[in-house]
Amino acid sequence: MENEKQGLLRSKMECGQGTNPTSSEEDPLTIDGIMMGNQRLKTMSCSDKIGRWNVLGLQGCLLSRFMFPVYMSSLTLGCLYHHGHLSRAVCCRYRDILLPEPFRVNHPLLGCVPGQEAQRELGKTNEKSLNWCCGDEKVEIVDGCRGRCDKNDVSRLARVNILKDFNEFCNSNETDYHKVKDSMTSYCKAKDAFNKICQKQKLRSWIKKPVF
């Protein structure tokens, strides 16, 4: 690594640009702090999220009850490709982690789109995001800052709707989303191992979203 900040976990700031290394000394994010303007909502960088997916899987916690971890087979960048930096960010910095079966550190094939490298454009990213999967009637547009759809509707990706789908699938009546996640013991052990390797390698801390 060229400097000590490379390889650290980084966060994106609400309505900001770029990323900054996280800090274990920061106070936990709270809904009141964000709503009153005393705190700014922060979320982990894209490369850090992909890195955790390469340990815990793309399926997330709830689906781990029904299936083995699902790992990406390849990752392609459109521009600004550097194999060393990318491999470190999305998998290799976690190679010494000890995980419970069937979890593992996944090393996907890494590549880039051939052609001339695009110049990096500095500025704020678009706040809108799109989500769709097979079976959905249409693409959903979500305001990334508010977590709401254009008409202020609750997104189908919101925790309340994910828990609703889980209950329908399991024919259950669970009301506490976090309690259900905590019951997935194998996934939680793998997640704890991920957090411990971050601490051991002094990568800083993973920022948790406030609980509504």
N, C-alpha and C. Protein backbone atom coordinates (compact mmCIF):
# COMPACT_ATOMS: atom_id res chain seq x y z
N MET A 1 0.84 -1.19 0.00
CA MET A 1 0.00 0.00 0.00
C MET A 1 0.88 1.24 0.00
N GLU A 2 0.44 2.25 -0.73
CA GLU A 2 1.25 3.45 -0.90
C GLU A 2 1.17 4.36 0.31
N ASN A 3 0.06 4.35 1.04
CA ASN A 3 -0.03 5.14 2.27
C ASN A 3 -0.91 4.41 3.27
N GLU A 4 -0.87 4.87 4.53
CA GLU A 4 -1.52 4.16 5.62
C GLU A 4 -3.05 4.18 5.53
N LYS A 5 -3.62 5.08 4.73
CA LYS A 5 -5.07 5.16 4.63
C LYS A 5 -5.65 4.17 3.61
N GLN A 6 -4.79 3.62 2.77
CA GLN A 6 -5.28 2.64 1.81
C GLN A 6 -5.64 1.34 2.53
N GLY A 7 -6.79 0.80 2.19
CA GLY A 7 -7.24 -0.44 2.82
C GLY A 7 -8.16 -0.24 3.99
N LEU A 8 -8.30 1.01 4.48
CA LEU A 8 -9.20 1.27 5.60
C LEU A 8 -10.65 1.25 5.13
N LEU A 9 -11.55 0.86 6.03
CA LEU A 9 -12.97 0.95 5.74
C LEU A 9 -13.35 2.42 5.59
N ARG A 10 -14.20 2.71 4.61
CA ARG A 10 -14.54 4.09 4.29
C ARG A 10 -16.05 4.26 4.22
N SER A 11 -16.51 5.49 4.48
CA SER A 11 -17.94 5.78 4.45
C SER A 11 -18.24 6.92 3.50
N LYS A 12 -19.46 6.86 2.95
CA LYS A 12 -19.98 7.96 2.14
C LYS A 12 -20.90 8.78 3.02
N MET A 13 -20.87 10.11 2.85
CA MET A 13 -21.68 10.98 3.67
C MET A 13 -22.90 11.45 2.89
N GLU A 14 -24.01 11.57 3.59
CA GLU A 14 -25.27 11.99 2.98
C GLU A 14 -25.09 13.30 2.22
N CYS A 15 -25.53 13.30 0.95
CA CYS A 15 -25.49 14.50 0.10
C CYS A 15 -24.08 15.05 -0.03
N GLY A 16 -23.08 14.21 0.17
CA GLY A 16 -21.70 14.67 0.03
C GLY A 16 -21.06 14.04 -1.18
N GLN A 17 -19.74 14.13 -1.27
CA GLN A 17 -19.04 13.53 -2.38
C GLN A 17 -17.75 12.89 -1.88
N GLY A 18 -17.34 11.80 -2.52
CA GLY A 18 -16.16 11.09 -2.08
C GLY A 18 -16.42 10.27 -0.83
N THR A 19 -15.35 9.70 -0.27
CA THR A 19 -15.45 8.88 0.93
C THR A 19 -14.37 9.29 1.92
N ASN A 20 -14.59 8.95 3.19
CA ASN A 20 -13.63 9.21 4.25
C ASN A 20 -13.46 7.96 5.10
N PRO A 21 -12.26 7.71 5.64
CA PRO A 21 -12.08 6.57 6.54
C PRO A 21 -13.01 6.67 7.74
N THR A 22 -13.56 5.54 8.16
CA THR A 22 -14.43 5.54 9.33
C THR A 22 -13.59 5.73 10.58
N SER A 23 -14.27 6.02 11.68
CA SER A 23 -13.57 6.22 12.95
C SER A 23 -14.31 5.48 14.05
N SER A 24 -13.58 4.74 14.86
CA SER A 24 -14.18 4.01 15.98
C SER A 24 -14.52 4.94 17.14
N GLU A 25 -14.07 6.19 17.07
CA GLU A 25 -14.32 7.14 18.14
C GLU A 25 -15.61 7.94 17.94
N GLU A 26 -16.23 7.80 16.77
CA GLU A 26 -17.46 8.54 16.51
C GLU A 26 -18.62 7.95 17.30
N ASP A 27 -19.57 8.82 17.69
CA ASP A 27 -20.77 8.35 18.37
C ASP A 27 -21.64 7.58 17.39
N PRO A 28 -22.35 6.55 17.84
CA PRO A 28 -23.26 5.80 16.95
C PRO A 28 -24.32 6.72 16.36
N LEU A 29 -24.70 6.44 15.12
CA LEU A 29 -25.74 7.24 14.48
C LEU A 29 -27.09 6.97 15.14
N THR A 30 -27.87 8.02 15.32
CA THR A 30 -29.21 7.90 15.89
C THR A 30 -30.20 8.63 15.00
N ILE A 31 -31.46 8.19 15.04
CA ILE A 31 -32.50 8.85 14.26
C ILE A 31 -32.67 10.30 14.71
N ASP A 32 -32.70 10.52 16.03
CA ASP A 32 -32.87 11.88 16.55
C ASP A 32 -31.72 12.79 16.12
N GLY A 33 -30.50 12.24 16.18
CA GLY A 33 -29.34 13.05 15.80
C GLY A 33 -29.38 13.47 14.34
N ILE A 34 -29.83 12.55 13.48
CA ILE A 34 -29.91 12.86 12.05
C ILE A 34 -31.04 13.82 11.76
N MET A 35 -32.23 13.57 12.34
CA MET A 35 -33.40 14.41 12.10
C MET A 35 -33.20 15.83 12.61
N MET A 36 -32.47 15.99 13.72
CA MET A 36 -32.23 17.32 14.30
C MET A 36 -31.04 18.03 13.67
N GLY A 37 -30.34 17.34 12.79
CA GLY A 37 -29.21 17.96 12.10
C GLY A 37 -27.91 17.90 12.85
N ASN A 38 -27.87 17.18 13.97
CA ASN A 38 -26.64 17.08 14.74
C ASN A 38 -25.68 16.05 14.15
N GLN A 39 -26.21 15.13 13.34
CA GLN A 39 -25.41 14.11 12.68
C GLN A 39 -25.79 14.04 11.21
N ARG A 40 -24.86 13.60 10.39
CA ARG A 40 -25.16 13.35 8.99
C ARG A 40 -25.17 11.85 8.75
N LEU A 41 -26.17 11.42 7.97
CA LEU A 41 -26.29 10.00 7.69
C LEU A 41 -25.09 9.52 6.89
N LYS A 42 -24.47 8.45 7.35
CA LYS A 42 -23.32 7.88 6.67
C LYS A 42 -23.61 6.44 6.29
N THR A 43 -23.04 6.01 5.19
CA THR A 43 -23.19 4.63 4.75
C THR A 43 -21.85 4.14 4.23
N MET A 44 -21.62 2.85 4.32
CA MET A 44 -20.33 2.32 3.92
C MET A 44 -20.12 2.44 2.42
N SER A 45 -18.87 2.52 2.01
CA SER A 45 -18.54 2.66 0.59
C SER A 45 -18.93 1.41 -0.18
N CYS A 46 -19.08 1.56 -1.49
CA CYS A 46 -19.48 0.44 -2.34
C CYS A 46 -18.47 -0.71 -2.27
N SER A 47 -17.18 -0.38 -2.31
CA SER A 47 -16.17 -1.44 -2.29
C SER A 47 -16.18 -2.20 -0.97
N ASP A 48 -16.47 -1.50 0.14
CA ASP A 48 -16.55 -2.18 1.43
C ASP A 48 -17.76 -3.12 1.49
N LYS A 49 -18.88 -2.68 0.92
CA LYS A 49 -20.07 -3.54 0.89
C LYS A 49 -19.81 -4.79 0.05
N ILE A 50 -19.16 -4.61 -1.09
CA ILE A 50 -18.84 -5.76 -1.95
C ILE A 50 -17.87 -6.69 -1.21
N GLY A 51 -16.92 -6.11 -0.47
CA GLY A 51 -15.99 -6.92 0.30
C GLY A 51 -16.71 -7.78 1.33
N ARG A 52 -17.69 -7.22 2.00
CA ARG A 52 -18.44 -8.01 2.99
C ARG A 52 -19.30 -9.07 2.31
N TRP A 53 -19.85 -8.75 1.12
CA TRP A 53 -20.60 -9.76 0.36
C TRP A 53 -19.71 -10.94 0.00
N ASN A 54 -18.43 -10.68 -0.24
CA ASN A 54 -17.51 -11.76 -0.59
C ASN A 54 -17.12 -12.61 0.62
N VAL A 55 -17.60 -12.23 1.77
CA VAL A 55 -17.42 -13.04 2.98
C VAL A 55 -18.75 -13.67 3.41
N LEU A 56 -19.79 -12.84 3.49
CA LEU A 56 -21.08 -13.30 4.01
C LEU A 56 -22.04 -13.77 2.93
N GLY A 57 -21.78 -13.39 1.68
CA GLY A 57 -22.67 -13.79 0.60
C GLY A 57 -23.64 -12.68 0.22
N LEU A 58 -24.15 -12.78 -0.98
CA LEU A 58 -25.09 -11.79 -1.50
C LEU A 58 -26.51 -11.97 -0.97
N GLN A 59 -26.81 -13.13 -0.41
CA GLN A 59 -28.18 -13.46 -0.03
C GLN A 59 -28.64 -12.73 1.22
N GLY A 60 -27.72 -12.23 2.02
CA GLY A 60 -28.10 -11.55 3.25
C GLY A 60 -28.42 -12.52 4.37
N CYS A 61 -28.86 -11.96 5.49
CA CYS A 61 -29.06 -12.76 6.70
C CYS A 61 -30.30 -13.65 6.63
N LEU A 62 -31.45 -13.08 6.30
CA LEU A 62 -32.69 -13.85 6.36
C LEU A 62 -32.70 -15.02 5.40
N LEU A 63 -32.21 -14.81 4.18
CA LEU A 63 -32.19 -15.90 3.20
C LEU A 63 -31.18 -16.99 3.55
N SER A 64 -30.25 -16.68 4.45
CA SER A 64 -29.27 -17.70 4.84
C SER A 64 -29.94 -18.84 5.61
N ARG A 65 -31.17 -18.62 6.04
CA ARG A 65 -31.92 -19.68 6.70
C ARG A 65 -32.31 -20.78 5.71
N PHE A 66 -32.42 -20.41 4.43
CA PHE A 66 -32.94 -21.35 3.43
C PHE A 66 -31.91 -21.78 2.40
N MET A 67 -30.77 -21.12 2.34
CA MET A 67 -29.81 -21.45 1.29
C MET A 67 -28.37 -21.24 1.76
N PHE A 68 -27.46 -21.86 1.02
CA PHE A 68 -26.05 -21.63 1.28
C PHE A 68 -25.67 -20.24 0.78
N PRO A 69 -24.53 -19.70 1.23
CA PRO A 69 -24.10 -18.37 0.75
C PRO A 69 -24.00 -18.32 -0.77
N VAL A 70 -24.42 -17.23 -1.33
CA VAL A 70 -24.36 -17.01 -2.78
C VAL A 70 -23.26 -15.98 -3.05
N TYR A 71 -22.23 -16.39 -3.79
CA TYR A 71 -21.10 -15.50 -4.05
C TYR A 71 -21.02 -15.10 -5.52
N MET A 72 -20.57 -13.88 -5.77
CA MET A 72 -20.39 -13.42 -7.14
C MET A 72 -19.21 -14.15 -7.79
N SER A 73 -19.34 -14.43 -9.08
CA SER A 73 -18.27 -15.13 -9.78
C SER A 73 -17.29 -14.17 -10.43
N SER A 74 -17.74 -12.95 -10.76
CA SER A 74 -16.85 -11.98 -11.39
C SER A 74 -17.31 -10.57 -11.09
N LEU A 75 -16.41 -9.63 -11.25
CA LEU A 75 -16.70 -8.21 -11.03
C LEU A 75 -15.98 -7.41 -12.11
N THR A 76 -16.73 -6.58 -12.83
CA THR A 76 -16.16 -5.81 -13.94
C THR A 76 -16.34 -4.33 -13.68
N LEU A 77 -15.26 -3.57 -13.80
CA LEU A 77 -15.31 -2.11 -13.66
C LEU A 77 -15.32 -1.46 -15.03
N GLY A 78 -16.04 -0.35 -15.12
CA GLY A 78 -16.10 0.37 -16.38
C GLY A 78 -14.89 1.25 -16.61
N CYS A 79 -14.30 1.76 -15.53
CA CYS A 79 -13.13 2.63 -15.66
C CYS A 79 -12.39 2.69 -14.33
N LEU A 80 -11.24 3.37 -14.32
CA LEU A 80 -10.43 3.54 -13.11
C LEU A 80 -10.06 2.19 -12.48
N TYR A 81 -9.69 1.24 -13.34
CA TYR A 81 -9.37 -0.10 -12.86
C TYR A 81 -7.91 -0.21 -12.44
N HIS A 82 -7.69 -0.75 -11.23
CA HIS A 82 -6.35 -1.07 -10.74
C HIS A 82 -6.48 -2.40 -10.02
N HIS A 83 -5.90 -3.45 -10.57
CA HIS A 83 -6.13 -4.80 -10.05
C HIS A 83 -5.72 -4.92 -8.58
N GLY A 84 -4.58 -4.36 -8.21
CA GLY A 84 -4.11 -4.48 -6.84
C GLY A 84 -5.05 -3.81 -5.85
N HIS A 85 -5.45 -2.57 -6.14
CA HIS A 85 -6.35 -1.85 -5.24
C HIS A 85 -7.71 -2.53 -5.17
N LEU A 86 -8.22 -2.97 -6.33
CA LEU A 86 -9.55 -3.58 -6.35
C LEU A 86 -9.57 -4.91 -5.61
N SER A 87 -8.58 -5.76 -5.86
CA SER A 87 -8.55 -7.07 -5.19
C SER A 87 -8.40 -6.92 -3.68
N ARG A 88 -7.61 -5.95 -3.26
CA ARG A 88 -7.47 -5.70 -1.82
C ARG A 88 -8.80 -5.26 -1.23
N ALA A 89 -9.50 -4.36 -1.92
CA ALA A 89 -10.73 -3.78 -1.39
C ALA A 89 -11.86 -4.79 -1.29
N VAL A 90 -12.01 -5.65 -2.29
CA VAL A 90 -13.21 -6.49 -2.34
C VAL A 90 -13.02 -7.91 -1.83
N CYS A 91 -11.78 -8.32 -1.52
CA CYS A 91 -11.63 -9.69 -0.99
C CYS A 91 -10.32 -9.93 -0.25
N CYS A 92 -9.19 -9.56 -0.78
CA CYS A 92 -7.90 -10.05 -0.27
C CYS A 92 -7.54 -9.55 1.12
N ARG A 93 -8.07 -8.43 1.55
CA ARG A 93 -7.73 -7.96 2.91
C ARG A 93 -8.41 -8.80 3.99
N TYR A 94 -9.32 -9.68 3.59
CA TYR A 94 -10.02 -10.55 4.54
C TYR A 94 -9.54 -12.00 4.46
N ARG A 95 -8.44 -12.25 3.78
CA ARG A 95 -8.03 -13.63 3.49
C ARG A 95 -7.70 -14.44 4.75
N ASP A 96 -7.35 -13.80 5.86
CA ASP A 96 -6.95 -14.54 7.08
C ASP A 96 -8.12 -14.79 8.02
N ILE A 97 -9.33 -14.49 7.59
CA ILE A 97 -10.49 -14.63 8.46
C ILE A 97 -10.84 -16.10 8.69
N LEU A 98 -11.26 -16.44 9.90
CA LEU A 98 -11.70 -17.79 10.24
C LEU A 98 -13.22 -17.79 10.29
N LEU A 99 -13.83 -18.56 9.39
CA LEU A 99 -15.28 -18.52 9.22
C LEU A 99 -15.91 -19.88 9.51
N PRO A 100 -17.15 -19.87 10.02
CA PRO A 100 -17.87 -21.14 10.17
C PRO A 100 -18.37 -21.62 8.81
N GLU A 101 -18.47 -22.92 8.64
CA GLU A 101 -19.01 -23.45 7.39
C GLU A 101 -20.49 -23.08 7.28
N PRO A 102 -20.98 -22.81 6.08
CA PRO A 102 -20.34 -22.96 4.77
C PRO A 102 -19.77 -21.65 4.21
N PHE A 103 -19.47 -20.69 5.08
CA PHE A 103 -18.97 -19.40 4.63
C PHE A 103 -17.49 -19.48 4.29
N ARG A 104 -17.05 -18.62 3.39
CA ARG A 104 -15.65 -18.58 2.97
C ARG A 104 -15.34 -17.20 2.41
N VAL A 105 -14.06 -16.93 2.20
CA VAL A 105 -13.67 -15.69 1.52
C VAL A 105 -13.68 -15.97 0.02
N ASN A 106 -14.54 -15.29 -0.69
CA ASN A 106 -14.69 -15.48 -2.13
C ASN A 106 -13.78 -14.53 -2.89
N HIS A 107 -13.05 -15.07 -3.88
CA HIS A 107 -12.18 -14.25 -4.72
C HIS A 107 -12.72 -14.28 -6.15
N PRO A 108 -13.57 -13.32 -6.53
CA PRO A 108 -14.15 -13.33 -7.87
C PRO A 108 -13.12 -12.95 -8.93
N LEU A 109 -13.40 -13.31 -10.17
CA LEU A 109 -12.58 -12.84 -11.29
C LEU A 109 -12.78 -11.33 -11.43
N LEU A 110 -11.70 -10.60 -11.57
CA LEU A 110 -11.76 -9.14 -11.67
C LEU A 110 -11.34 -8.70 -13.06
N GLY A 111 -12.05 -7.76 -13.61
CA GLY A 111 -11.72 -7.27 -14.94
C GLY A 111 -12.25 -5.87 -15.17
N CYS A 112 -11.97 -5.34 -16.35
CA CYS A 112 -12.43 -4.01 -16.70
C CYS A 112 -12.89 -4.00 -18.15
N VAL A 113 -13.68 -3.01 -18.48
CA VAL A 113 -14.14 -2.85 -19.86
C VAL A 113 -12.97 -2.35 -20.69
N PRO A 114 -12.62 -3.05 -21.78
CA PRO A 114 -11.48 -2.60 -22.60
C PRO A 114 -11.77 -1.27 -23.28
N GLY A 115 -10.72 -0.52 -23.49
CA GLY A 115 -10.88 0.78 -24.14
C GLY A 115 -10.18 1.87 -23.36
N GLN A 116 -10.38 3.08 -23.77
CA GLN A 116 -9.71 4.21 -23.14
C GLN A 116 -10.28 4.48 -21.76
N GLU A 117 -9.40 4.74 -20.82
CA GLU A 117 -9.83 5.05 -19.47
C GLU A 117 -10.52 6.41 -19.43
N ALA A 118 -11.68 6.44 -18.75
CA ALA A 118 -12.41 7.70 -18.61
C ALA A 118 -11.78 8.54 -17.51
N GLN A 119 -11.84 9.85 -17.66
CA GLN A 119 -11.35 10.75 -16.64
C GLN A 119 -12.34 10.81 -15.49
N ARG A 120 -11.83 10.83 -14.29
CA ARG A 120 -12.71 10.86 -13.12
C ARG A 120 -13.38 12.22 -13.00
N GLU A 121 -14.71 12.19 -12.85
CA GLU A 121 -15.46 13.42 -12.70
C GLU A 121 -15.83 13.61 -11.23
N LEU A 122 -15.39 14.73 -10.68
CA LEU A 122 -15.68 15.04 -9.29
C LEU A 122 -17.03 15.74 -9.19
N GLY A 123 -17.80 15.37 -8.20
CA GLY A 123 -19.10 15.99 -8.02
C GLY A 123 -20.02 15.06 -7.27
N LYS A 124 -21.18 15.56 -6.91
CA LYS A 124 -22.14 14.75 -6.16
C LYS A 124 -22.79 13.73 -7.08
N THR A 125 -22.98 12.54 -6.54
CA THR A 125 -23.63 11.50 -7.31
C THR A 125 -25.14 11.70 -7.29
N ASN A 126 -25.81 11.06 -8.23
CA ASN A 126 -27.26 11.15 -8.30
C ASN A 126 -27.88 10.48 -7.08
N GLU A 127 -28.87 11.12 -6.48
CA GLU A 127 -29.50 10.60 -5.27
C GLU A 127 -30.50 9.48 -5.56
N LYS A 128 -30.88 9.31 -6.83
CA LYS A 128 -31.86 8.30 -7.19
C LYS A 128 -31.20 6.94 -7.37
N SER A 129 -31.91 5.89 -6.97
CA SER A 129 -31.44 4.53 -7.19
C SER A 129 -32.58 3.70 -7.77
N LEU A 130 -32.22 2.65 -8.49
CA LEU A 130 -33.20 1.78 -9.13
C LEU A 130 -33.05 0.36 -8.59
N ASN A 131 -34.16 -0.34 -8.42
CA ASN A 131 -34.08 -1.75 -8.07
C ASN A 131 -35.14 -2.53 -8.82
N TRP A 132 -34.77 -3.74 -9.20
CA TRP A 132 -35.68 -4.64 -9.92
C TRP A 132 -35.12 -6.05 -9.84
N CYS A 133 -35.99 -7.02 -9.78
CA CYS A 133 -35.57 -8.41 -9.90
C CYS A 133 -36.65 -9.19 -10.64
N CYS A 134 -36.31 -10.34 -11.10
CA CYS A 134 -37.23 -11.16 -11.88
C CYS A 134 -38.50 -11.42 -11.06
N GLY A 135 -39.65 -11.11 -11.65
CA GLY A 135 -40.92 -11.26 -10.95
C GLY A 135 -41.55 -9.94 -10.59
N ASP A 136 -40.75 -8.88 -10.50
CA ASP A 136 -41.29 -7.55 -10.22
C ASP A 136 -41.99 -7.00 -11.46
N GLU A 137 -43.10 -6.31 -11.26
CA GLU A 137 -43.85 -5.77 -12.38
C GLU A 137 -43.14 -4.58 -13.03
N LYS A 138 -42.40 -3.82 -12.25
CA LYS A 138 -41.74 -2.64 -12.78
C LYS A 138 -40.51 -2.28 -11.96
N VAL A 139 -39.70 -1.42 -12.51
CA VAL A 139 -38.53 -0.90 -11.80
C VAL A 139 -38.99 0.08 -10.74
N GLU A 140 -38.39 0.02 -9.57
CA GLU A 140 -38.72 0.95 -8.49
C GLU A 140 -37.63 2.01 -8.37
N ILE A 141 -38.04 3.27 -8.30
CA ILE A 141 -37.11 4.38 -8.15
C ILE A 141 -37.16 4.87 -6.70
N VAL A 142 -36.01 4.92 -6.07
CA VAL A 142 -35.93 5.29 -4.66
C VAL A 142 -35.01 6.49 -4.47
N ASP A 143 -35.42 7.41 -3.63
CA ASP A 143 -34.57 8.53 -3.23
C ASP A 143 -33.58 8.02 -2.20
N GLY A 144 -32.30 7.99 -2.57
CA GLY A 144 -31.29 7.43 -1.69
C GLY A 144 -31.10 8.16 -0.38
N CYS A 145 -31.43 9.45 -0.34
CA CYS A 145 -31.26 10.22 0.91
C CYS A 145 -32.40 9.98 1.88
N ARG A 146 -33.60 9.75 1.34
CA ARG A 146 -34.77 9.57 2.21
C ARG A 146 -35.18 8.12 2.37
N GLY A 147 -34.73 7.25 1.44
CA GLY A 147 -35.15 5.87 1.50
C GLY A 147 -36.59 5.67 1.11
N ARG A 148 -37.15 6.62 0.40
CA ARG A 148 -38.55 6.56 -0.01
C ARG A 148 -38.68 6.64 -1.52
N CYS A 149 -39.82 6.15 -2.03
CA CYS A 149 -40.09 6.24 -3.45
C CYS A 149 -40.57 7.66 -3.80
N ASP A 150 -40.77 7.92 -5.09
CA ASP A 150 -41.12 9.26 -5.54
C ASP A 150 -42.38 9.81 -4.88
N LYS A 151 -43.37 8.98 -4.65
CA LYS A 151 -44.63 9.43 -4.04
C LYS A 151 -44.62 9.23 -2.53
N ASN A 152 -43.43 9.15 -1.96
CA ASN A 152 -43.23 8.97 -0.52
C ASN A 152 -43.69 7.60 -0.04
N ASP A 153 -43.86 6.66 -0.98
CA ASP A 153 -44.23 5.30 -0.61
C ASP A 153 -43.03 4.58 0.00
N VAL A 154 -43.32 3.59 0.83
CA VAL A 154 -42.25 2.78 1.43
C VAL A 154 -41.71 1.83 0.37
N SER A 155 -40.39 1.76 0.25
CA SER A 155 -39.76 0.91 -0.76
C SER A 155 -40.00 -0.57 -0.46
N ARG A 156 -40.05 -1.38 -1.50
CA ARG A 156 -40.17 -2.82 -1.31
C ARG A 156 -38.91 -3.41 -0.69
N LEU A 157 -37.83 -2.62 -0.66
CA LEU A 157 -36.59 -3.07 -0.03
C LEU A 157 -36.50 -2.67 1.44
N ALA A 158 -37.51 -1.95 1.95
CA ALA A 158 -37.51 -1.53 3.35
C ALA A 158 -37.62 -2.75 4.26
N ARG A 159 -37.09 -2.63 5.46
CA ARG A 159 -37.09 -3.74 6.40
C ARG A 159 -38.50 -4.25 6.67
N VAL A 160 -39.47 -3.34 6.76
CA VAL A 160 -40.84 -3.75 7.07
C VAL A 160 -41.39 -4.66 5.99
N ASN A 161 -41.05 -4.39 4.73
CA ASN A 161 -41.54 -5.22 3.63
C ASN A 161 -40.76 -6.53 3.51
N ILE A 162 -39.46 -6.47 3.81
CA ILE A 162 -38.67 -7.70 3.81
C ILE A 162 -39.18 -8.66 4.88
N LEU A 163 -39.49 -8.13 6.07
CA LEU A 163 -40.03 -8.97 7.14
C LEU A 163 -41.40 -9.52 6.77
N LYS A 164 -42.19 -8.70 6.08
CA LYS A 164 -43.51 -9.15 5.62
C LYS A 164 -43.37 -10.34 4.66
N ASP A 165 -42.45 -10.23 3.70
CA ASP A 165 -42.22 -11.34 2.76
C ASP A 165 -41.71 -12.58 3.48
N PHE A 166 -40.85 -12.36 4.47
CA PHE A 166 -40.31 -13.48 5.25
C PHE A 166 -41.44 -14.21 5.98
N ASN A 167 -42.34 -13.45 6.60
CA ASN A 167 -43.45 -14.06 7.33
C ASN A 167 -44.38 -14.84 6.40
N GLU A 168 -44.62 -14.29 5.21
CA GLU A 168 -45.49 -14.97 4.26
C GLU A 168 -44.85 -16.29 3.80
N PHE A 169 -43.55 -16.25 3.57
CA PHE A 169 -42.85 -17.44 3.09
C PHE A 169 -42.79 -18.51 4.18
N CYS A 170 -42.59 -18.08 5.42
CA CYS A 170 -42.42 -19.03 6.54
C CYS A 170 -43.74 -19.34 7.25
N ASN A 171 -44.81 -18.66 6.82
CA ASN A 171 -46.10 -18.80 7.50
C ASN A 171 -45.96 -18.50 8.99
N SER A 172 -45.25 -17.39 9.28
CA SER A 172 -45.00 -16.98 10.66
C SER A 172 -45.58 -15.59 10.90
N ASN A 173 -45.42 -15.13 12.12
CA ASN A 173 -45.95 -13.80 12.48
C ASN A 173 -44.93 -13.02 13.29
N GLU A 174 -43.69 -13.02 12.81
CA GLU A 174 -42.63 -12.29 13.52
C GLU A 174 -42.83 -10.79 13.38
N THR A 175 -42.53 -10.06 14.45
CA THR A 175 -42.72 -8.60 14.44
C THR A 175 -41.41 -7.84 14.64
N ASP A 176 -40.37 -8.53 15.11
CA ASP A 176 -39.09 -7.87 15.40
C ASP A 176 -38.06 -8.30 14.36
N TYR A 177 -37.75 -7.41 13.42
CA TYR A 177 -36.82 -7.71 12.34
C TYR A 177 -35.45 -8.11 12.86
N HIS A 178 -34.94 -7.38 13.84
CA HIS A 178 -33.60 -7.64 14.35
C HIS A 178 -33.55 -8.93 15.16
N LYS A 179 -34.63 -9.26 15.83
CA LYS A 179 -34.69 -10.52 16.58
C LYS A 179 -34.63 -11.70 15.62
N VAL A 180 -35.31 -11.59 14.48
CA VAL A 180 -35.28 -12.64 13.47
C VAL A 180 -33.87 -12.80 12.93
N LYS A 181 -33.18 -11.69 12.65
CA LYS A 181 -31.82 -11.77 12.14
C LYS A 181 -30.88 -12.41 13.16
N ASP A 182 -31.06 -12.08 14.43
CA ASP A 182 -30.20 -12.63 15.47
C ASP A 182 -30.38 -14.14 15.62
N SER A 183 -31.51 -14.66 15.15
CA SER A 183 -31.76 -16.10 15.27
C SER A 183 -31.00 -16.90 14.21
N MET A 184 -30.46 -16.24 13.21
CA MET A 184 -29.68 -16.92 12.17
C MET A 184 -28.24 -17.07 12.67
N THR A 185 -28.00 -18.07 13.50
CA THR A 185 -26.76 -18.17 14.26
C THR A 185 -25.52 -18.31 13.39
N SER A 186 -25.57 -19.12 12.35
CA SER A 186 -24.40 -19.33 11.51
C SER A 186 -23.99 -18.03 10.81
N TYR A 187 -24.97 -17.31 10.28
CA TYR A 187 -24.68 -16.04 9.61
C TYR A 187 -24.11 -15.04 10.62
N CYS A 188 -24.70 -14.98 11.80
CA CYS A 188 -24.25 -14.03 12.82
C CYS A 188 -22.82 -14.33 13.26
N LYS A 189 -22.45 -15.63 13.35
CA LYS A 189 -21.08 -15.99 13.69
C LYS A 189 -20.11 -15.54 12.61
N ALA A 190 -20.51 -15.70 11.35
CA ALA A 190 -19.67 -15.26 10.24
C ALA A 190 -19.53 -13.73 10.25
N LYS A 191 -20.61 -13.04 10.57
CA LYS A 191 -20.57 -11.58 10.63
C LYS A 191 -19.67 -11.11 11.76
N ASP A 192 -19.73 -11.79 12.90
CA ASP A 192 -18.85 -11.46 14.03
C ASP A 192 -17.38 -11.67 13.64
N ALA A 193 -17.11 -12.76 12.91
CA ALA A 193 -15.75 -13.03 12.46
C ALA A 193 -15.26 -11.95 11.51
N PHE A 194 -16.16 -11.46 10.67
CA PHE A 194 -15.81 -10.37 9.75
C PHE A 194 -15.44 -9.12 10.53
N ASN A 195 -16.24 -8.77 11.53
CA ASN A 195 -15.97 -7.57 12.33
C ASN A 195 -14.65 -7.71 13.10
N LYS A 196 -14.36 -8.93 13.57
CA LYS A 196 -13.13 -9.16 14.33
C LYS A 196 -11.89 -9.01 13.45
N ILE A 197 -11.97 -9.50 12.20
CA ILE A 197 -10.79 -9.37 11.33
C ILE A 197 -10.56 -7.91 10.98
N CYS A 198 -11.63 -7.13 10.88
CA CYS A 198 -11.48 -5.69 10.63
C CYS A 198 -10.77 -5.01 11.79
N GLN A 199 -11.13 -5.41 13.01
CA GLN A 199 -10.48 -4.85 14.18
C GLN A 199 -9.04 -5.32 14.30
N LYS A 200 -8.81 -6.61 14.04
CA LYS A 200 -7.47 -7.16 14.16
C LYS A 200 -6.50 -6.50 13.19
N GLN A 201 -6.96 -6.23 11.97
CA GLN A 201 -6.11 -5.63 10.96
C GLN A 201 -6.17 -4.10 10.99
N LYS A 202 -6.88 -3.57 11.99
CA LYS A 202 -6.97 -2.12 12.19
C LYS A 202 -7.50 -1.41 10.94
N LEU A 203 -8.57 -1.99 10.40
CA LEU A 203 -9.21 -1.39 9.22
C LEU A 203 -10.26 -0.36 9.61
N ARG A 204 -10.40 -0.07 10.86
CA ARG A 204 -11.42 0.80 11.44
C ARG A 204 -12.73 0.02 11.63
N SER A 205 -13.82 0.72 11.91
CA SER A 205 -15.07 0.05 12.27
C SER A 205 -16.13 0.21 11.19
N TRP A 206 -17.05 -0.75 11.17
CA TRP A 206 -18.17 -0.74 10.23
C TRP A 206 -19.29 0.12 10.82
N ILE A 207 -19.79 1.08 10.06
CA ILE A 207 -20.82 1.97 10.54
C ILE A 207 -22.18 1.29 10.46
N LYS A 208 -22.91 1.29 11.57
CA LYS A 208 -24.24 0.70 11.61
C LYS A 208 -25.29 1.78 11.39
N LYS A 209 -26.30 1.43 10.59
CA LYS A 209 -27.41 2.36 10.38
C LYS A 209 -28.26 2.43 11.66
N PRO A 210 -28.83 3.60 11.96
CA PRO A 210 -29.69 3.71 13.14
C PRO A 210 -30.94 2.87 12.99
N VAL A 211 -31.45 2.36 14.12
CA VAL A 211 -32.64 1.53 14.11
C VAL A 211 -33.87 2.41 14.24
N PHE A 212 -34.82 2.25 13.32
CA PHE A 212 -36.06 3.03 13.38
C PHE A 212 -37.01 2.43 14.39
